[in-house]
Amino acid sequence: MKIENQQVLITGASGGIGRAFSEMCAREKAHLHLVIRRKNDSLKEDLLKLGAASITIWERDLAKREEVEALLNDLKDQRIDILFNNAGMLTGGLLEEQPLDDIYQMLQVNLNSLIHLTRGLIPGMVKRKSGKIINNSSVSAIMHFPCASTYAASKAAVAAFTNCLEIELKDSGVSTLLLITPGVKTRMYDEIKPLYGKNLETPDEHISPEKYALMIRDCIHRDESVLLPSLLTPTGAGLRIAKYINPLFKYGVSKKFGR
């Protein structure tokens, strides 16, 4: 699928992977619809300079169901060709020490808003017989680390949701792309060590948001349905062990964890 001239909706667009993906789409001459939580005066100007065909900014807090509904109402007459459900929130630490309000908010942002937006935009895509839904999951969907219990649960749910949706949309002209995202050097990545480090030895492996955005672009161009970390990386190898030799993965992780 091409990106040029497509109407692309990106959540969590002001930083990290969302910002890098927005910049990549701008260079590809796409029409951008950017969902951000806080006002960002320079975002539109910066992306227009990179070549975006047009830019619309939506200031919405996806942690609130009513604001997701308001966004969908604003988009009811707008064609969206590519939906990138990227917005996310990290929780971590021993389960009993995680603030309950943070868990509820994280599930709303990572999972509920993603399902809500996808449900609202699918009918138009199916009617046009064209569209792509990109959902940002995580290696945590498969690699179940201690201290990542609630976050991993949200990302495993995103993966399951996307896999189900892929089959539902067969022969509709609408496709899905599931991102099993590795460590990407973002603000959220920098939160891992403070949240997990007290009890778990955390890895330092990461890639840049810009590199990851290009990897997503290549998957879109090739109409691939999943983006996995390379088997040649420690994360990619560990993910395959977690998936196919889970007792070995659990044994290795348990050696790096302590209360």
Foldseek 3Di string as FASTA:
>chain_A
DALAAAEEEFEPLPWFLNVLLLLVSLLSQYEYEYEAQDDDVCSQVVSVVNHHVYYHYHHFQQLDPVRLVVVLVVCVVPQHAEYELDDADAFWDAPVPTDPVSLSSRLSNLAVSLVSNCVSNVVRCLVVLGHEYEHEAELLCQQVAHGRVSNNVSRVVSVVVQVVVQVVCPPSSYHYEYEHDYAEPIPNSVVCCVRYVVFFDDDDDHHYSNVVSVVVNVCVVVVHHYDAPDCPDPSRVLSVCSHPVVVVSVVVRVVGGDD
